[in-house]
Structures are given as C-alpha cells and as structure tokens.
Amino acid sequence: MKLDEFTIGQIFRTKALTLTKEEIIKFAGEFDPQYLHVNEAKAKEGRFNGIIASGIHTLAISFKLWVEEEKYGEDVIAGTGMNNIQFIRPVYPGDKLYTIVKVLEKKANKSATGILTVLLKTYNDKEEQVFAGELSVLIKR
C-alpha cells in the first residue's frame, strides 16, 4: 500500500507466532546475553521465575509480524524512526504473540514519498499487552 492508501485510525491485526525457549536463548545469546534470557537455572531464581525473551527480541517479532502482513510491500523505502518503545510484560517460552497495528500519522513530502507512522501493540495469548512502540517509515505516495 502506498501512503495515500492508508487512513488515520486504520487498524490491522497480524497473524500469531509462538516463541520457543530455544529461540529466546538463541536470539539473546547473539544480541542480548543477559542471564535472564540465556541461563535457565539463574533465571529461575530471578523475579520472572524463568527465562524470558529480550525486549529487543519482542520488538523484532512485533516488527516481523507487521512486515509479513505485506501492507508496505515494495512501496516502503526505509525505516526512519522508532519512538515510545515500551516493554510492558515479560514474554515467556510458549507465549503466542500477535500485533495490532494502528495508523497514527501520515505526512506527504514534496516528492513522491511521505512518512507513515504506526503504533504497534503486541499481545500474548492471554490477551495481555507485552509491547508497544511507534514506527515511522518513508514510503511511496
């Protein structure tokens, strides 16, 4: 979809993705190797009673789920920013995540492009919100 095809307030719901313990450990081992993401024994002693996904992993999954909806398609040019990132609840192995995407703002440029800003809100299968963040992209008009 091009910028002009989106409407302010428009809402999309993504498919769901179930996160495994192995995926959590693999991602965190490379990008966020804190004990609560990679060391099961030590994580069980912590405040979350076990391994949880890195917030960065949750953000990446939220973005992946949105991109896989193919609303941007080949009209997207590049990401331009992320704002108001919130890691609201921990994500545990076995959690099934989906994202609700709401169009917040669109600004046309003088060229044949514009900036589209959406709010991503990600939930687990208990309908608890685990993540929120605004994402802006440069997109064709």
N, C-alpha and C. Protein backbone atom coordinates (compact mmCIF):
# COMPACT_ATOMS: atom_id res chain seq x y z
N MET A 1 0.84 -1.19 0.00
CA MET A 1 0.00 0.00 0.00
C MET A 1 0.88 1.24 0.00
N LYS A 2 0.46 2.21 -0.72
CA LYS A 2 1.15 3.49 -0.76
C LYS A 2 0.62 4.37 0.38
N LEU A 3 1.35 5.42 0.69
CA LEU A 3 0.98 6.34 1.77
C LEU A 3 -0.47 6.77 1.67
N ASP A 4 -0.89 7.17 0.47
CA ASP A 4 -2.24 7.71 0.29
C ASP A 4 -3.34 6.66 0.47
N GLU A 5 -2.98 5.38 0.48
CA GLU A 5 -3.97 4.32 0.67
C GLU A 5 -4.25 4.03 2.15
N PHE A 6 -3.37 4.48 3.03
CA PHE A 6 -3.58 4.30 4.47
C PHE A 6 -4.47 5.43 4.98
N THR A 7 -5.26 5.16 6.01
CA THR A 7 -6.08 6.20 6.64
C THR A 7 -5.76 6.26 8.13
N ILE A 8 -5.78 7.48 8.67
CA ILE A 8 -5.54 7.67 10.09
C ILE A 8 -6.58 6.88 10.87
N GLY A 9 -6.13 6.13 11.86
CA GLY A 9 -7.02 5.32 12.68
C GLY A 9 -7.23 3.91 12.15
N GLN A 10 -6.79 3.64 10.95
CA GLN A 10 -6.93 2.31 10.35
C GLN A 10 -6.21 1.29 11.24
N ILE A 11 -6.81 0.10 11.42
CA ILE A 11 -6.26 -0.92 12.30
C ILE A 11 -6.09 -2.24 11.54
N PHE A 12 -4.97 -2.89 11.81
CA PHE A 12 -4.66 -4.19 11.24
C PHE A 12 -4.31 -5.14 12.39
N ARG A 13 -4.61 -6.43 12.22
CA ARG A 13 -4.20 -7.45 13.17
C ARG A 13 -3.34 -8.47 12.42
N THR A 14 -2.20 -8.78 13.00
CA THR A 14 -1.28 -9.72 12.36
C THR A 14 -1.64 -11.16 12.72
N LYS A 15 -0.99 -12.08 12.04
CA LYS A 15 -1.07 -13.48 12.44
C LYS A 15 -0.31 -13.63 13.75
N ALA A 16 -0.35 -14.81 14.34
CA ALA A 16 0.33 -15.06 15.60
C ALA A 16 1.59 -15.88 15.40
N LEU A 17 2.49 -15.77 16.36
CA LEU A 17 3.74 -16.52 16.35
C LEU A 17 4.00 -17.02 17.77
N THR A 18 4.30 -18.31 17.91
CA THR A 18 4.63 -18.88 19.22
C THR A 18 6.14 -18.90 19.38
N LEU A 19 6.60 -18.38 20.51
CA LEU A 19 8.03 -18.26 20.77
C LEU A 19 8.50 -19.43 21.62
N THR A 20 9.57 -20.08 21.21
CA THR A 20 10.11 -21.22 21.96
C THR A 20 11.28 -20.78 22.85
N LYS A 21 11.58 -21.60 23.84
CA LYS A 21 12.72 -21.33 24.71
C LYS A 21 14.01 -21.32 23.89
N GLU A 22 14.12 -22.24 22.95
CA GLU A 22 15.33 -22.31 22.13
C GLU A 22 15.53 -21.02 21.31
N GLU A 23 14.44 -20.49 20.78
CA GLU A 23 14.52 -19.23 20.01
C GLU A 23 14.94 -18.07 20.91
N ILE A 24 14.39 -18.03 22.12
CA ILE A 24 14.73 -16.97 23.07
C ILE A 24 16.21 -17.01 23.40
N ILE A 25 16.70 -18.19 23.72
CA ILE A 25 18.12 -18.35 24.09
C ILE A 25 19.03 -18.03 22.90
N LYS A 26 18.67 -18.51 21.72
CA LYS A 26 19.50 -18.25 20.54
C LYS A 26 19.59 -16.76 20.24
N PHE A 27 18.44 -16.07 20.21
CA PHE A 27 18.44 -14.63 19.93
C PHE A 27 19.26 -13.89 20.99
N ALA A 28 18.97 -14.16 22.25
CA ALA A 28 19.65 -13.45 23.33
C ALA A 28 21.14 -13.77 23.36
N GLY A 29 21.51 -15.00 23.04
CA GLY A 29 22.92 -15.36 23.02
C GLY A 29 23.71 -14.49 22.05
N GLU A 30 23.07 -14.07 21.00
CA GLU A 30 23.75 -13.25 20.00
C GLU A 30 23.57 -11.75 20.24
N PHE A 31 22.40 -11.33 20.72
CA PHE A 31 22.09 -9.89 20.76
C PHE A 31 21.83 -9.30 22.14
N ASP A 32 21.57 -10.12 23.16
CA ASP A 32 21.26 -9.61 24.50
C ASP A 32 21.56 -10.69 25.53
N PRO A 33 22.85 -11.04 25.70
CA PRO A 33 23.22 -12.20 26.50
C PRO A 33 23.17 -12.00 28.03
N GLN A 34 22.08 -11.45 28.50
CA GLN A 34 21.89 -11.32 29.93
C GLN A 34 21.35 -12.64 30.49
N TYR A 35 21.67 -12.92 31.75
CA TYR A 35 21.32 -14.22 32.34
C TYR A 35 19.83 -14.54 32.24
N LEU A 36 18.96 -13.56 32.37
CA LEU A 36 17.52 -13.82 32.37
C LEU A 36 17.00 -14.29 31.02
N HIS A 37 17.84 -14.20 30.00
CA HIS A 37 17.48 -14.66 28.66
C HIS A 37 18.21 -15.94 28.25
N VAL A 38 19.32 -16.25 28.91
CA VAL A 38 20.16 -17.36 28.43
C VAL A 38 20.50 -18.42 29.48
N ASN A 39 20.36 -18.11 30.76
CA ASN A 39 20.76 -19.04 31.82
C ASN A 39 19.52 -19.48 32.59
N GLU A 40 19.00 -20.64 32.24
CA GLU A 40 17.73 -21.10 32.80
C GLU A 40 17.78 -21.25 34.32
N ALA A 41 18.85 -21.83 34.85
CA ALA A 41 18.95 -22.04 36.30
C ALA A 41 18.96 -20.71 37.05
N LYS A 42 19.77 -19.78 36.59
CA LYS A 42 19.84 -18.48 37.27
C LYS A 42 18.55 -17.68 37.06
N ALA A 43 17.96 -17.79 35.88
CA ALA A 43 16.72 -17.07 35.60
C ALA A 43 15.58 -17.54 36.51
N LYS A 44 15.58 -18.81 36.88
CA LYS A 44 14.53 -19.34 37.78
C LYS A 44 14.61 -18.71 39.16
N GLU A 45 15.80 -18.23 39.53
CA GLU A 45 15.99 -17.57 40.82
C GLU A 45 15.61 -16.09 40.78
N GLY A 46 15.42 -15.55 39.60
CA GLY A 46 15.13 -14.13 39.44
C GLY A 46 13.65 -13.80 39.58
N ARG A 47 13.31 -12.57 39.36
CA ARG A 47 11.94 -12.08 39.58
C ARG A 47 10.92 -12.65 38.60
N PHE A 48 11.38 -13.18 37.46
CA PHE A 48 10.45 -13.69 36.44
C PHE A 48 10.25 -15.20 36.51
N ASN A 49 10.95 -15.88 37.44
CA ASN A 49 10.81 -17.32 37.65
C ASN A 49 11.12 -18.16 36.42
N GLY A 50 12.04 -17.69 35.61
CA GLY A 50 12.45 -18.44 34.42
C GLY A 50 12.91 -17.52 33.32
N ILE A 51 13.33 -18.13 32.25
CA ILE A 51 13.81 -17.39 31.08
C ILE A 51 12.68 -16.58 30.46
N ILE A 52 13.02 -15.36 30.07
CA ILE A 52 12.09 -14.52 29.32
C ILE A 52 12.80 -14.00 28.07
N ALA A 53 12.01 -13.60 27.10
CA ALA A 53 12.57 -13.05 25.86
C ALA A 53 13.14 -11.66 26.13
N SER A 54 14.19 -11.35 25.43
CA SER A 54 14.74 -10.00 25.44
C SER A 54 13.67 -9.04 24.89
N GLY A 55 13.63 -7.84 25.45
CA GLY A 55 12.72 -6.83 24.90
C GLY A 55 13.02 -6.54 23.44
N ILE A 56 14.29 -6.57 23.08
CA ILE A 56 14.68 -6.34 21.69
C ILE A 56 14.12 -7.45 20.80
N HIS A 57 14.08 -8.67 21.32
CA HIS A 57 13.51 -9.80 20.59
C HIS A 57 12.01 -9.58 20.38
N THR A 58 11.33 -9.13 21.43
CA THR A 58 9.89 -8.86 21.34
C THR A 58 9.62 -7.75 20.31
N LEU A 59 10.45 -6.72 20.33
CA LEU A 59 10.32 -5.64 19.33
C LEU A 59 10.51 -6.21 17.92
N ALA A 60 11.54 -7.03 17.74
CA ALA A 60 11.82 -7.60 16.42
C ALA A 60 10.68 -8.49 15.93
N ILE A 61 10.10 -9.28 16.84
CA ILE A 61 8.97 -10.13 16.46
C ILE A 61 7.77 -9.27 16.07
N SER A 62 7.51 -8.22 16.84
CA SER A 62 6.39 -7.32 16.53
C SER A 62 6.55 -6.73 15.14
N PHE A 63 7.76 -6.28 14.83
CA PHE A 63 8.04 -5.71 13.52
C PHE A 63 7.90 -6.77 12.42
N LYS A 64 8.43 -7.96 12.67
CA LYS A 64 8.34 -9.06 11.70
C LYS A 64 6.88 -9.38 11.39
N LEU A 65 6.06 -9.51 12.42
CA LEU A 65 4.65 -9.83 12.21
C LEU A 65 3.96 -8.77 11.36
N TRP A 66 4.29 -7.50 11.60
CA TRP A 66 3.71 -6.41 10.82
C TRP A 66 4.19 -6.46 9.37
N VAL A 67 5.48 -6.61 9.18
CA VAL A 67 6.03 -6.65 7.81
C VAL A 67 5.45 -7.82 7.03
N GLU A 68 5.26 -8.95 7.69
CA GLU A 68 4.73 -10.13 6.99
C GLU A 68 3.27 -9.96 6.56
N GLU A 69 2.60 -8.94 7.05
CA GLU A 69 1.25 -8.64 6.57
C GLU A 69 1.29 -8.06 5.16
N GLU A 70 2.47 -7.65 4.71
CA GLU A 70 2.74 -7.15 3.36
C GLU A 70 1.90 -5.92 2.98
N LYS A 71 1.59 -5.09 3.96
CA LYS A 71 0.86 -3.85 3.67
C LYS A 71 1.80 -2.84 3.00
N TYR A 72 3.06 -2.81 3.41
CA TYR A 72 4.03 -1.90 2.79
C TYR A 72 4.43 -2.40 1.41
N GLY A 73 4.58 -3.71 1.29
CA GLY A 73 5.03 -4.28 0.03
C GLY A 73 6.31 -3.63 -0.43
N GLU A 74 6.40 -3.36 -1.72
CA GLU A 74 7.59 -2.74 -2.28
C GLU A 74 7.50 -1.22 -2.27
N ASP A 75 6.43 -0.69 -1.66
CA ASP A 75 6.29 0.77 -1.59
C ASP A 75 7.12 1.39 -0.47
N VAL A 76 7.52 0.60 0.53
CA VAL A 76 8.35 1.12 1.60
C VAL A 76 9.76 1.36 1.08
N ILE A 77 10.36 2.46 1.53
CA ILE A 77 11.71 2.81 1.10
C ILE A 77 12.70 2.55 2.23
N ALA A 78 12.36 2.99 3.45
CA ALA A 78 13.26 2.79 4.59
C ALA A 78 12.54 3.16 5.88
N GLY A 79 13.00 2.55 6.96
CA GLY A 79 12.54 2.98 8.28
C GLY A 79 13.18 4.32 8.60
N THR A 80 12.45 5.16 9.33
CA THR A 80 13.00 6.47 9.69
C THR A 80 13.09 6.69 11.20
N GLY A 81 12.38 5.86 11.97
CA GLY A 81 12.48 6.04 13.41
C GLY A 81 11.55 5.15 14.20
N MET A 82 11.88 5.04 15.48
CA MET A 82 11.03 4.34 16.44
C MET A 82 10.96 5.22 17.67
N ASN A 83 9.76 5.34 18.23
CA ASN A 83 9.57 6.18 19.40
C ASN A 83 8.68 5.47 20.41
N ASN A 84 8.77 5.93 21.65
CA ASN A 84 7.89 5.47 22.73
C ASN A 84 7.86 3.95 22.85
N ILE A 85 9.04 3.34 22.83
CA ILE A 85 9.16 1.89 22.95
C ILE A 85 8.90 1.50 24.40
N GLN A 86 7.99 0.53 24.60
CA GLN A 86 7.66 0.07 25.95
C GLN A 86 7.62 -1.45 25.99
N PHE A 87 8.37 -2.00 26.93
CA PHE A 87 8.33 -3.43 27.20
C PHE A 87 7.44 -3.60 28.43
N ILE A 88 6.19 -3.97 28.22
CA ILE A 88 5.16 -3.87 29.24
C ILE A 88 5.12 -5.09 30.16
N ARG A 89 5.22 -6.27 29.59
CA ARG A 89 5.19 -7.52 30.36
C ARG A 89 6.25 -8.45 29.79
N PRO A 90 6.75 -9.36 30.62
CA PRO A 90 7.71 -10.33 30.09
C PRO A 90 7.05 -11.30 29.12
N VAL A 91 7.85 -11.76 28.17
CA VAL A 91 7.41 -12.77 27.21
C VAL A 91 8.14 -14.06 27.55
N TYR A 92 7.35 -15.11 27.78
CA TYR A 92 7.88 -16.40 28.20
C TYR A 92 7.88 -17.41 27.05
N PRO A 93 8.72 -18.44 27.16
CA PRO A 93 8.65 -19.52 26.17
C PRO A 93 7.22 -20.06 26.11
N GLY A 94 6.75 -20.31 24.91
CA GLY A 94 5.40 -20.81 24.71
C GLY A 94 4.36 -19.73 24.50
N ASP A 95 4.71 -18.47 24.79
CA ASP A 95 3.75 -17.38 24.54
C ASP A 95 3.50 -17.27 23.04
N LYS A 96 2.25 -17.08 22.70
CA LYS A 96 1.83 -16.89 21.32
C LYS A 96 1.53 -15.40 21.15
N LEU A 97 2.31 -14.73 20.32
CA LEU A 97 2.23 -13.27 20.17
C LEU A 97 1.55 -12.87 18.87
N TYR A 98 0.79 -11.78 18.93
CA TYR A 98 0.24 -11.14 17.73
C TYR A 98 0.29 -9.64 17.95
N THR A 99 0.22 -8.89 16.87
CA THR A 99 0.35 -7.44 16.96
C THR A 99 -0.85 -6.76 16.32
N ILE A 100 -1.32 -5.73 17.02
CA ILE A 100 -2.35 -4.84 16.49
C ILE A 100 -1.62 -3.58 16.03
N VAL A 101 -1.87 -3.17 14.80
CA VAL A 101 -1.19 -2.03 14.22
C VAL A 101 -2.22 -0.95 13.91
N LYS A 102 -1.97 0.25 14.40
CA LYS A 102 -2.88 1.37 14.17
C LYS A 102 -2.12 2.50 13.47
N VAL A 103 -2.69 3.01 12.39
CA VAL A 103 -2.09 4.13 11.66
C VAL A 103 -2.31 5.40 12.49
N LEU A 104 -1.20 6.02 12.88
CA LEU A 104 -1.26 7.22 13.70
C LEU A 104 -1.17 8.51 12.90
N GLU A 105 -0.27 8.52 11.91
CA GLU A 105 0.01 9.77 11.21
C GLU A 105 0.57 9.48 9.83
N LYS A 106 0.27 10.36 8.90
CA LYS A 106 0.91 10.28 7.59
C LYS A 106 1.15 11.71 7.12
N LYS A 107 2.36 11.92 6.61
CA LYS A 107 2.78 13.25 6.15
C LYS A 107 3.37 13.11 4.75
N ALA A 108 2.74 13.75 3.80
CA ALA A 108 3.27 13.72 2.43
C ALA A 108 4.45 14.68 2.33
N ASN A 109 5.45 14.27 1.58
CA ASN A 109 6.59 15.14 1.27
C ASN A 109 6.33 15.82 -0.07
N LYS A 110 7.18 16.75 -0.44
CA LYS A 110 7.04 17.41 -1.74
C LYS A 110 7.33 16.46 -2.89
N SER A 111 8.12 15.45 -2.61
CA SER A 111 8.42 14.45 -3.65
C SER A 111 7.28 13.43 -3.69
N ALA A 112 7.53 12.32 -4.27
CA ALA A 112 6.51 11.27 -4.39
C ALA A 112 6.56 10.30 -3.21
N THR A 113 6.97 10.82 -2.04
CA THR A 113 7.07 10.00 -0.84
C THR A 113 6.40 10.69 0.34
N GLY A 114 6.38 9.99 1.44
CA GLY A 114 5.87 10.56 2.68
C GLY A 114 6.29 9.70 3.85
N ILE A 115 5.95 10.16 5.05
CA ILE A 115 6.26 9.43 6.27
C ILE A 115 4.96 8.88 6.85
N LEU A 116 4.95 7.58 7.09
CA LEU A 116 3.81 6.90 7.72
C LEU A 116 4.25 6.45 9.10
N THR A 117 3.46 6.78 10.12
CA THR A 117 3.75 6.35 11.48
C THR A 117 2.62 5.47 11.98
N VAL A 118 3.01 4.30 12.48
CA VAL A 118 2.04 3.35 13.02
C VAL A 118 2.41 3.03 14.47
N LEU A 119 1.40 2.64 15.23
CA LEU A 119 1.59 2.17 16.60
C LEU A 119 1.45 0.66 16.60
N LEU A 120 2.49 -0.02 17.07
CA LEU A 120 2.46 -1.47 17.20
C LEU A 120 2.15 -1.81 18.67
N LYS A 121 1.14 -2.60 18.90
CA LYS A 121 0.84 -3.12 20.23
C LYS A 121 0.79 -4.63 20.13
N THR A 122 1.65 -5.28 20.90
CA THR A 122 1.76 -6.73 20.83
C THR A 122 1.18 -7.36 22.09
N TYR A 123 0.46 -8.46 21.88
CA TYR A 123 -0.24 -9.16 22.95
C TYR A 123 0.14 -10.63 22.96
N ASN A 124 0.03 -11.25 24.14
CA ASN A 124 0.22 -12.69 24.23
C ASN A 124 -1.13 -13.39 24.11
N ASP A 125 -1.12 -14.70 24.19
CA ASP A 125 -2.35 -15.47 24.03
C ASP A 125 -3.30 -15.35 25.22
N LYS A 126 -2.87 -14.67 26.28
CA LYS A 126 -3.76 -14.38 27.42
C LYS A 126 -4.39 -12.99 27.25
N GLU A 127 -4.16 -12.39 26.09
CA GLU A 127 -4.65 -11.04 25.76
C GLU A 127 -4.02 -9.97 26.65
N GLU A 128 -2.81 -10.24 27.15
CA GLU A 128 -2.06 -9.26 27.93
C GLU A 128 -1.12 -8.53 26.99
N GLN A 129 -1.10 -7.22 27.07
CA GLN A 129 -0.19 -6.45 26.23
C GLN A 129 1.23 -6.61 26.75
N VAL A 130 2.16 -6.93 25.85
CA VAL A 130 3.55 -7.14 26.24
C VAL A 130 4.48 -6.07 25.67
N PHE A 131 4.05 -5.36 24.63
CA PHE A 131 4.92 -4.40 23.94
C PHE A 131 4.09 -3.31 23.29
N ALA A 132 4.69 -2.12 23.20
CA ALA A 132 4.12 -1.04 22.41
C ALA A 132 5.26 -0.20 21.85
N GLY A 133 5.07 0.32 20.66
CA GLY A 133 6.07 1.19 20.07
C GLY A 133 5.58 1.81 18.78
N GLU A 134 6.03 3.02 18.52
CA GLU A 134 5.69 3.71 17.28
C GLU A 134 6.80 3.51 16.26
N LEU A 135 6.41 3.26 15.04
CA LEU A 135 7.35 3.00 13.96
C LEU A 135 7.03 3.94 12.80
N SER A 136 8.03 4.62 12.29
CA SER A 136 7.83 5.50 11.13
C SER A 136 8.66 4.99 9.96
N VAL A 137 8.07 5.09 8.76
CA VAL A 137 8.76 4.67 7.55
C VAL A 137 8.59 5.71 6.46
N LEU A 138 9.58 5.77 5.59
CA LEU A 138 9.50 6.54 4.37
C LEU A 138 8.86 5.62 3.33
N ILE A 139 7.80 6.09 2.70
CA ILE A 139 7.03 5.23 1.80
C ILE A 139 6.56 6.02 0.59
N LYS A 140 6.38 5.32 -0.51
CA LYS A 140 5.90 5.96 -1.74
C LYS A 140 4.47 6.44 -1.56
N ARG A 141 4.14 7.52 -2.28
CA ARG A 141 2.77 8.05 -2.22
C ARG A 141 1.93 7.41 -3.28
